């Protein structure tokens, strides 16, 4: 009789131990990256303005400044246009 009683106690203890404990629900934050096309107004060619020109040296300085500014601006716009073709609305 004792053996049967001990066997029942062991079986009941193992049954309780094998019941899985459910984890409580948790909040999960999901980040989705979405690329959108740039407005066409942001992809217009660059313009460069200069200050008052009084001498020939002012003309040369304005011309060099304009060439540098346009080269930088055109490179940036071409990069933006390249990236804009990869965007999906």
PDB file of N, CA and C in Angstrom:
ATOM      1  N   UNK A   1       0.814  -1.182   0.000  1.00  0.00           N
ATOM      2  CA  UNK A   1       0.000   0.000   0.000  1.00  0.00           C
ATOM      3  C   UNK A   1       0.865   1.256   0.000  1.00  0.00           C
ATOM      4  N   UNK A   2       1.940   1.213   0.763  1.00  0.00           N
ATOM      5  CA  UNK A   2       2.828   2.360   0.807  1.00  0.00           C
ATOM      6  C   UNK A   2       3.463   2.603  -0.550  1.00  0.00           C
ATOM      7  N   UNK A   3       3.785   1.583  -1.237  1.00  0.00           N
ATOM      8  CA  UNK A   3       4.416   1.717  -2.550  1.00  0.00           C
ATOM      9  C   UNK A   3       3.435   2.378  -3.523  1.00  0.00           C
ATOM     10  N   UNK A   4       2.205   1.994  -3.479  1.00  0.00           N
ATOM     11  CA  UNK A   4       1.190   2.573  -4.354  1.00  0.00           C
ATOM     12  C   UNK A   4       0.998   4.051  -4.018  1.00  0.00           C
ATOM     13  N   UNK A   5       0.963   4.358  -2.733  1.00  0.00           N
ATOM     14  CA  UNK A   5       0.797   5.742  -2.307  1.00  0.00           C
ATOM     15  C   UNK A   5       1.993   6.586  -2.743  1.00  0.00           C
ATOM     16  N   UNK A   6       3.182   6.093  -2.573  1.00  0.00           N
ATOM     17  CA  UNK A   6       4.378   6.821  -3.000  1.00  0.00           C
ATOM     18  C   UNK A   6       4.417   6.958  -4.519  1.00  0.00           C
ATOM     19  N   UNK A   7       3.987   5.947  -5.222  1.00  0.00           N
ATOM     20  CA  UNK A   7       3.941   6.003  -6.677  1.00  0.00           C
ATOM     21  C   UNK A   7       2.955   7.066  -7.149  1.00  0.00           C
ATOM     22  N   UNK A   8       1.814   7.175  -6.506  1.00  0.00           N
ATOM     23  CA  UNK A   8       0.827   8.193  -6.856  1.00  0.00           C
ATOM     24  C   UNK A   8       1.359   9.603  -6.568  1.00  0.00           C
ATOM     25  N   UNK A   9       2.050   9.760  -5.453  1.00  0.00           N
ATOM     26  CA  UNK A   9       2.640  11.058  -5.113  1.00  0.00           C
ATOM     27  C   UNK A   9       3.698  11.438  -6.149  1.00  0.00           C
ATOM     28  N   UNK A  10       4.523  10.514  -6.550  1.00  0.00           N
ATOM     29  CA  UNK A  10       5.567  10.794  -7.548  1.00  0.00           C
ATOM     30  C   UNK A  10       4.956  11.147  -8.901  1.00  0.00           C
ATOM     31  N   UNK A  11       3.933  10.436  -9.284  1.00  0.00           N
ATOM     32  CA  UNK A  11       3.279  10.711 -10.567  1.00  0.00           C
ATOM     33  C   UNK A  11       2.627  12.089 -10.536  1.00  0.00           C
ATOM     34  N   UNK A  12       1.975  12.421  -9.439  1.00  0.00           N
ATOM     35  CA  UNK A  12       1.317  13.732  -9.372  1.00  0.00           C
ATOM     36  C   UNK A  12       2.339  14.871  -9.361  1.00  0.00           C
ATOM     37  N   UNK A  13       3.487  14.680  -8.717  1.00  0.00           N
ATOM     38  CA  UNK A  13       4.517  15.707  -8.698  1.00  0.00           C
ATOM     39  C   UNK A  13       5.156  15.884 -10.073  1.00  0.00           C
ATOM     40  N   UNK A  14       5.379  14.832 -10.790  1.00  0.00           N
ATOM     41  CA  UNK A  14       5.983  14.952 -12.112  1.00  0.00           C
ATOM     42  C   UNK A  14       4.995  15.558 -13.106  1.00  0.00           C
ATOM     43  N   UNK A  15       3.728  15.323 -12.939  1.00  0.00           N
ATOM     44  CA  UNK A  15       2.733  15.914 -13.831  1.00  0.00           C
ATOM     45  C   UNK A  15       2.672  17.427 -13.632  1.00  0.00           C
ATOM     46  N   UNK A  16       2.792  17.889 -12.418  1.00  0.00           N
ATOM     47  CA  UNK A  16       2.771  19.332 -12.156  1.00  0.00           C
ATOM     48  C   UNK A  16       4.033  20.003 -12.688  1.00  0.00           C
ATOM     49  N   UNK A  17       5.143  19.315 -12.586  1.00  0.00           N
ATOM     50  CA  UNK A  17       6.404  19.904 -13.013  1.00  0.00           C
ATOM     51  C   UNK A  17       6.497  19.982 -14.537  1.00  0.00           C
ATOM     52  N   UNK A  18       5.816  19.145 -15.263  1.00  0.00           N
ATOM     53  CA  UNK A  18       5.935  19.146 -16.717  1.00  0.00           C
ATOM     54  C   UNK A  18       4.962  20.116 -17.391  1.00  0.00           C
ATOM     55  N   UNK A  19       4.086  20.765 -16.634  1.00  0.00           N
ATOM     56  CA  UNK A  19       3.155  21.728 -17.224  1.00  0.00           C
ATOM     57  C   UNK A  19       3.922  23.009 -17.557  1.00  0.00           C
ATOM     58  N   UNK A  20       3.924  23.422 -18.848  1.00  0.00           N
ATOM     59  CA  UNK A  20       4.679  24.635 -19.207  1.00  0.00           C
ATOM     60  C   UNK A  20       4.003  25.892 -18.665  1.00  0.00           C
ATOM     61  N   UNK A  21       4.841  26.834 -18.301  1.00  0.00           N
ATOM     62  CA  UNK A  21       4.348  28.108 -17.790  1.00  0.00           C
ATOM     63  C   UNK A  21       4.365  29.104 -18.951  1.00  0.00           C
ATOM     64  N   UNK A  22       3.217  29.689 -19.248  1.00  0.00           N
ATOM     65  CA  UNK A  22       3.121  30.634 -20.359  1.00  0.00           C
ATOM     66  C   UNK A  22       3.714  31.983 -19.959  1.00  0.00           C
ATOM     67  N   UNK A  23       4.514  32.538 -20.850  1.00  0.00           N
ATOM     68  CA  UNK A  23       5.112  33.852 -20.605  1.00  0.00           C
ATOM     69  C   UNK A  23       4.054  34.935 -20.854  1.00  0.00           C
ATOM     70  N   UNK A  24       4.104  36.000 -20.115  1.00  0.00           N
ATOM     71  CA  UNK A  24       3.129  37.071 -20.324  1.00  0.00           C
ATOM     72  C   UNK A  24       3.376  37.746 -21.680  1.00  0.00           C
ATOM     73  N   UNK A  25       2.336  38.288 -22.298  1.00  0.00           N
ATOM     74  CA  UNK A  25       2.531  38.958 -23.589  1.00  0.00           C
ATOM     75  C   UNK A  25       3.410  40.199 -23.436  1.00  0.00           C
ATOM     76  N   UNK A  26       4.174  40.488 -24.488  1.00  0.00           N
ATOM     77  CA  UNK A  26       5.083  41.625 -24.459  1.00  0.00           C
ATOM     78  C   UNK A  26       4.817  42.521 -25.668  1.00  0.00           C
ATOM     79  N   UNK A  27       5.061  43.816 -25.508  1.00  0.00           N
ATOM     80  CA  UNK A  27       4.940  44.755 -26.615  1.00  0.00           C
ATOM     81  C   UNK A  27       6.221  44.718 -27.439  1.00  0.00           C
ATOM     82  N   UNK A  28       6.067  44.701 -28.753  1.00  0.00           N
ATOM     83  CA  UNK A  28       7.203  44.664 -29.658  1.00  0.00           C
ATOM     84  C   UNK A  28       7.094  45.856 -30.598  1.00  0.00           C
ATOM     85  N   UNK A  29       8.181  46.610 -30.738  1.00  0.00           N
ATOM     86  CA  UNK A  29       8.202  47.744 -31.648  1.00  0.00           C
ATOM     87  C   UNK A  29       8.895  47.319 -32.934  1.00  0.00           C
ATOM     88  N   UNK A  30       8.241  47.582 -34.072  1.00  0.00           N
ATOM     89  CA  UNK A  30       8.788  47.213 -35.373  1.00  0.00           C
ATOM     90  C   UNK A  30       9.046  48.485 -36.164  1.00  0.00           C
ATOM     91  N   UNK A  31      10.245  48.595 -36.726  1.00  0.00           N
ATOM     92  CA  UNK A  31      10.599  49.748 -37.543  1.00  0.00           C
ATOM     93  C   UNK A  31      10.651  49.307 -39.002  1.00  0.00           C
ATOM     94  N   UNK A  32       9.935  50.036 -39.845  1.00  0.00           N
ATOM     95  CA  UNK A  32       9.926  49.717 -41.265  1.00  0.00           C
ATOM     96  C   UNK A  32      10.491  50.912 -42.020  1.00  0.00           C
ATOM     97  N   UNK A  33      11.515  50.675 -42.826  1.00  0.00           N
ATOM     98  CA  UNK A  33      12.131  51.734 -43.617  1.00  0.00           C
ATOM     99  C   UNK A  33      11.391  51.811 -44.947  1.00  0.00           C
ATOM    100  N   UNK A  34      10.968  53.010 -45.299  1.00  0.00           N
ATOM    101  CA  UNK A  34      10.244  53.213 -46.553  1.00  0.00           C
ATOM    102  C   UNK A  34      10.845  54.416 -47.263  1.00  0.00           C
ATOM    103  N   UNK A  35      11.278  54.211 -48.494  1.00  0.00           N
ATOM    104  CA  UNK A  35      11.860  55.288 -49.279  1.00  0.00           C
ATOM    105  C   UNK A  35      10.775  55.886 -50.163  1.00  0.00           C
ATOM    106  N   UNK A  36      10.717  57.193 -50.193  1.00  0.00           N
ATOM    107  CA  UNK A  36       9.752  57.892 -51.033  1.00  0.00           C
ATOM    108  C   UNK A  36      10.511  58.807 -51.994  1.00  0.00           C
ATOM    109  N   UNK A  37       9.961  59.024 -53.194  1.00  0.00           N
ATOM    110  CA  UNK A  37      10.655  59.893 -54.150  1.00  0.00           C
ATOM    111  C   UNK A  37      10.705  61.331 -53.658  1.00  0.00           C
ATOM    112  N   UNK A  38      11.767  62.028 -54.049  1.00  0.00           N
ATOM    113  CA  UNK A  38      11.906  63.434 -53.693  1.00  0.00           C
ATOM    114  C   UNK A  38      11.060  64.276 -54.640  1.00  0.00           C
ATOM    115  N   UNK A  39      10.592  65.421 -54.183  1.00  0.00           N
ATOM    116  CA  UNK A  39       9.856  66.315 -55.074  1.00  0.00           C
ATOM    117  C   UNK A  39      10.755  66.790 -56.215  1.00  0.00           C
ATOM    118  N   UNK A  40      10.167  66.969 -57.381  1.00  0.00           N
ATOM    119  CA  UNK A  40      10.944  67.404 -58.546  1.00  0.00           C
ATOM    120  C   UNK A  40      11.551  68.786 -58.325  1.00  0.00           C
ATOM    121  N   UNK A  41      10.910  69.621 -57.509  1.00  0.00           N
ATOM    122  CA  UNK A  41      11.441  70.964 -57.254  1.00  0.00           C
ATOM    123  C   UNK A  41      12.786  70.913 -56.542  1.00  0.00           C
ATOM    124  N   UNK A  42      13.059  69.836 -55.804  1.00  0.00           N
ATOM    125  CA  UNK A  42      14.347  69.709 -55.115  1.00  0.00           C
ATOM    126  C   UNK A  42      15.457  69.225 -56.028  1.00  0.00           C
ATOM    127  N   UNK A  43      15.107  68.841 -57.253  1.00  0.00           N
ATOM    128  CA  UNK A  43      16.105  68.298 -58.172  1.00  0.00           C
ATOM    129  C   UNK A  43      16.387  69.234 -59.342  1.00  0.00           C
ATOM    130  N   UNK A  44      16.015  70.494 -59.207  1.00  0.00           N
ATOM    131  CA  UNK A  44      16.268  71.476 -60.261  1.00  0.00           C
ATOM    132  C   UNK A  44      17.744  71.849 -60.300  1.00  0.00           C
ATOM    133  N   UNK A  45      18.258  72.250 -61.466  1.00  0.00           N
ATOM    134  CA  UNK A  45      19.665  72.665 -61.556  1.00  0.00           C
ATOM    135  C   UNK A  45      19.958  73.861 -60.648  1.00  0.00           C
ATOM    136  N   UNK A  46      21.195  73.986 -60.247  1.00  0.00           N
ATOM    137  CA  UNK A  46      21.613  75.052 -59.333  1.00  0.00           C
ATOM    138  C   UNK A  46      21.871  76.355 -60.078  1.00  0.00           C
ATOM    139  N   UNK A  47      21.690  77.436 -59.363  1.00  0.00           N
ATOM    140  CA  UNK A  47      22.060  78.754 -59.871  1.00  0.00           C
ATOM    141  C   UNK A  47      22.988  79.401 -58.856  1.00  0.00           C
ATOM    142  N   UNK A  48      23.881  80.212 -59.353  1.00  0.00           N
ATOM    143  CA  UNK A  48      24.843  80.886 -58.476  1.00  0.00           C
ATOM    144  C   UNK A  48      24.725  82.385 -58.700  1.00  0.00           C
ATOM    145  N   UNK A  49      24.628  83.128 -57.625  1.00  0.00           N
ATOM    146  CA  UNK A  49      24.595  84.587 -57.728  1.00  0.00           C
ATOM    147  C   UNK A  49      25.917  85.158 -57.220  1.00  0.00           C
ATOM    148  N   UNK A  50      26.246  86.328 -57.699  1.00  0.00           N
ATOM    149  CA  UNK A  50      27.499  86.948 -57.247  1.00  0.00           C
ATOM    150  C   UNK A  50      27.210  88.355 -56.749  1.00  0.00           C
ATOM    151  N   UNK A  51      28.175  88.908 -56.036  1.00  0.00           N
ATOM    152  CA  UNK A  51      28.060  90.268 -55.517  1.00  0.00           C
ATOM    153  C   UNK A  51      28.343  91.286 -56.622  1.00  0.00           C
ATOM    154  N   UNK A  52      28.478  92.528 -56.252  1.00  0.00           N
ATOM    155  CA  UNK A  52      28.751  93.575 -57.262  1.00  0.00           C
ATOM    156  C   UNK A  52      30.131  93.381 -57.891  1.00  0.00           C
ATOM    157  N   UNK A  53      30.164  93.518 -59.193  1.00  0.00           N
ATOM    158  CA  UNK A  53      31.416  93.339 -59.935  1.00  0.00           C
ATOM    159  C   UNK A  53      31.893  94.720 -60.389  1.00  0.00           C
ATOM    160  N   UNK A  54      33.071  95.101 -59.938  1.00  0.00           N
ATOM    161  CA  UNK A  54      33.593  96.439 -60.243  1.00  0.00           C
ATOM    162  C   UNK A  54      34.868  96.377 -61.094  1.00  0.00           C
ATOM    163  N   UNK A  55      35.631  95.293 -60.925  1.00  0.00           N
ATOM    164  CA  UNK A  55      36.901  95.208 -61.652  1.00  0.00           C
ATOM    165  C   UNK A  55      36.998  93.873 -62.363  1.00  0.00           C
ATOM    166  N   UNK A  56      38.045  93.730 -63.150  1.00  0.00           N
ATOM    167  CA  UNK A  56      38.288  92.468 -63.846  1.00  0.00           C
ATOM    168  C   UNK A  56      38.591  91.335 -62.869  1.00  0.00           C
ATOM    169  N   UNK A  57      39.268  91.669 -61.771  1.00  0.00           N
ATOM    170  CA  UNK A  57      39.561  90.638 -60.759  1.00  0.00           C
ATOM    171  C   UNK A  57      38.276  90.133 -60.114  1.00  0.00           C
ATOM    172  N   UNK A  58      37.282  91.027 -59.940  1.00  0.00           N
ATOM    173  CA  UNK A  58      35.990  90.601 -59.389  1.00  0.00           C
ATOM    174  C   UNK A  58      35.292  89.619 -60.324  1.00  0.00           C
ATOM    175  N   UNK A  59      35.459  89.861 -61.626  1.00  0.00           N
ATOM    176  CA  UNK A  59      34.866  88.943 -62.607  1.00  0.00           C
ATOM    177  C   UNK A  59      35.507  87.564 -62.505  1.00  0.00           C
ATOM    178  N   UNK A  60      36.812  87.529 -62.418  1.00  0.00           N
ATOM    179  CA  UNK A  60      37.524  86.248 -62.333  1.00  0.00           C
ATOM    180  C   UNK A  60      37.154  85.525 -61.032  1.00  0.00           C
ATOM    181  N   UNK A  61      37.131  86.250 -59.916  1.00  0.00           N
ATOM    182  CA  UNK A  61      36.763  85.635 -58.636  1.00  0.00           C
ATOM    183  C   UNK A  61      35.337  85.092 -58.676  1.00  0.00           C
ATOM    184  N   UNK A  62      34.411  85.864 -59.240  1.00  0.00           N
ATOM    185  CA  UNK A  62      33.020  85.418 -59.324  1.00  0.00           C
ATOM    186  C   UNK A  62      32.907  84.192 -60.219  1.00  0.00           C
ATOM    187  N   UNK A  63      33.650  84.177 -61.305  1.00  0.00           N
ATOM    188  CA  UNK A  63      33.619  83.041 -62.216  1.00  0.00           C
ATOM    189  C   UNK A  63      34.157  81.775 -61.535  1.00  0.00           C
ATOM    190  N   UNK A  64      35.273  81.883 -60.830  1.00  0.00           N
ATOM    191  CA  UNK A  64      35.841  80.720 -60.134  1.00  0.00           C
ATOM    192  C   UNK A  64      34.903  80.231 -59.035  1.00  0.00           C
ATOM    193  N   UNK A  65      34.318  81.150 -58.293  1.00  0.00           N
ATOM    194  CA  UNK A  65      33.373  80.780 -57.243  1.00  0.00           C
ATOM    195  C   UNK A  65      32.154  80.082 -57.837  1.00  0.00           C
ATOM    196  N   UNK A  66      31.667  80.613 -58.956  1.00  0.00           N
ATOM    197  CA  UNK A  66      30.494  80.012 -59.594  1.00  0.00           C
ATOM    198  C   UNK A  66      30.801  78.605 -60.097  1.00  0.00           C
ATOM    199  N   UNK A  67      31.959  78.412 -60.681  1.00  0.00           N
ATOM    200  CA  UNK A  67      32.319  77.077 -61.179  1.00  0.00           C
ATOM    201  C   UNK A  67      32.421  76.065 -60.038  1.00  0.00           C
ATOM    202  N   UNK A  68      33.042  76.444 -58.936  1.00  0.00           N
ATOM    203  CA  UNK A  68      33.162  75.532 -57.788  1.00  0.00           C
ATOM    204  C   UNK A  68      31.797  75.215 -57.189  1.00  0.00           C
ATOM    205  N   UNK A  69      30.977  76.258 -57.015  1.00  0.00           N
ATOM    206  CA  UNK A  69      29.656  76.055 -56.412  1.00  0.00           C
ATOM    207  C   UNK A  69      28.775  75.185 -57.302  1.00  0.00           C
ATOM    208  N   UNK A  70      28.820  75.425 -58.616  1.00  0.00           N
ATOM    209  CA  UNK A  70      28.013  74.621 -59.527  1.00  0.00           C
ATOM    210  C   UNK A  70      28.488  73.172 -59.582  1.00  0.00           C
ATOM    211  N   UNK A  71      29.784  72.951 -59.531  1.00  0.00           N
ATOM    212  CA  UNK A  71      30.304  71.585 -59.554  1.00  0.00           C
ATOM    213  C   UNK A  71      29.848  70.810 -58.315  1.00  0.00           C
ATOM    214  N   UNK A  72      29.913  71.441 -57.149  1.00  0.00           N
ATOM    215  CA  UNK A  72      29.471  70.785 -55.911  1.00  0.00           C
ATOM    216  C   UNK A  72      27.972  70.530 -55.955  1.00  0.00           C
ATOM    217  N   UNK A  73      27.219  71.534 -56.376  1.00  0.00           N
ATOM    218  CA  UNK A  73      25.758  71.413 -56.400  1.00  0.00           C
ATOM    219  C   UNK A  73      25.317  70.353 -57.414  1.00  0.00           C
ATOM    220  N   UNK A  74      25.928  70.348 -58.597  1.00  0.00           N
ATOM    221  CA  UNK A  74      25.564  69.357 -59.611  1.00  0.00           C
ATOM    222  C   UNK A  74      25.896  67.937 -59.151  1.00  0.00           C
ATOM    223  N   UNK A  75      26.997  67.775 -58.448  1.00  0.00           N
ATOM    224  CA  UNK A  75      27.341  66.454 -57.929  1.00  0.00           C
ATOM    225  C   UNK A  75      26.319  65.990 -56.892  1.00  0.00           C
ATOM    226  N   UNK A  76      25.892  66.896 -56.038  1.00  0.00           N
ATOM    227  CA  UNK A  76      24.890  66.537 -55.028  1.00  0.00           C
ATOM    228  C   UNK A  76      23.557  66.203 -55.675  1.00  0.00           C
ATOM    229  N   UNK A  77      23.164  66.968 -56.681  1.00  0.00           N
ATOM    230  CA  UNK A  77      21.882  66.695 -57.346  1.00  0.00           C
ATOM    231  C   UNK A  77      21.948  65.378 -58.113  1.00  0.00           C
ATOM    232  N   UNK A  78      23.063  65.071 -58.741  1.00  0.00           N
ATOM    233  CA  UNK A  78      23.160  63.784 -59.446  1.00  0.00           C
ATOM    234  C   UNK A  78      23.095  62.620 -58.460  1.00  0.00           C
ATOM    235  N   UNK A  79      23.682  62.782 -57.274  1.00  0.00           N
ATOM    236  CA  UNK A  79      23.556  61.747 -56.243  1.00  0.00           C
ATOM    237  C   UNK A  79      22.101  61.582 -55.811  1.00  0.00           C
ATOM    238  N   UNK A  80      21.403  62.701 -55.624  1.00  0.00           N
ATOM    239  CA  UNK A  80      19.990  62.637 -55.228  1.00  0.00           C
ATOM    240  C   UNK A  80      19.132  61.999 -56.311  1.00  0.00           C
ATOM    241  N   UNK A  81      19.412  62.323 -57.567  1.00  0.00           N
ATOM    242  CA  UNK A  81      18.651  61.711 -58.658  1.00  0.00           C
ATOM    243  C   UNK A  81      18.885  60.210 -58.714  1.00  0.00           C
ATOM    244  N   UNK A  82      20.124  59.791 -58.471  1.00  0.00           N
ATOM    245  CA  UNK A  82      20.431  58.359 -58.472  1.00  0.00           C
ATOM    246  C   UNK A  82      19.677  57.652 -57.348  1.00  0.00           C
ATOM    247  N   UNK A  83      19.648  58.276 -56.174  1.00  0.00           N
ATOM    248  CA  UNK A  83      18.911  57.690 -55.053  1.00  0.00           C
ATOM    249  C   UNK A  83      17.406  57.743 -55.292  1.00  0.00           C
ATOM    250  N   UNK A  84      16.955  58.763 -55.993  1.00  0.00           N
ATOM    251  CA  UNK A  84      15.525  58.928 -56.247  1.00  0.00           C
ATOM    252  C   UNK A  84      14.982  57.820 -57.149  1.00  0.00           C
ATOM    253  N   UNK A  85      15.841  57.283 -58.027  1.00  0.00           N
ATOM    254  CA  UNK A  85      15.388  56.190 -58.896  1.00  0.00           C
ATOM    255  C   UNK A  85      15.211  54.898 -58.112  1.00  0.00           C
ATOM    256  N   UNK A  86      15.828  54.787 -56.947  1.00  0.00           N
ATOM    257  CA  UNK A  86      15.705  53.591 -56.124  1.00  0.00           C
ATOM    258  C   UNK A  86      14.496  53.636 -55.204  1.00  0.00           C
ATOM    259  N   UNK A  87      13.839  54.796 -55.074  1.00  0.00           N
ATOM    260  CA  UNK A  87      12.688  54.931 -54.181  1.00  0.00           C
ATOM    261  C   UNK A  87      11.442  54.396 -54.860  1.00  0.00           C
ATOM    262  N   UNK A  88      10.605  53.751 -54.065  1.00  0.00           N
ATOM    263  CA  UNK A  88       9.343  53.202 -54.559  1.00  0.00           C
ATOM    264  C   UNK A  88       8.194  53.857 -53.812  1.00  0.00           C
ATOM    265  N   UNK A  89       7.293  54.499 -54.535  1.00  0.00           N
ATOM    266  CA  UNK A  89       6.182  55.183 -53.830  1.00  0.00           C
ATOM    267  C   UNK A  89       5.207  54.201 -53.208  1.00  0.00           C
TER     268      UNK A  89
END
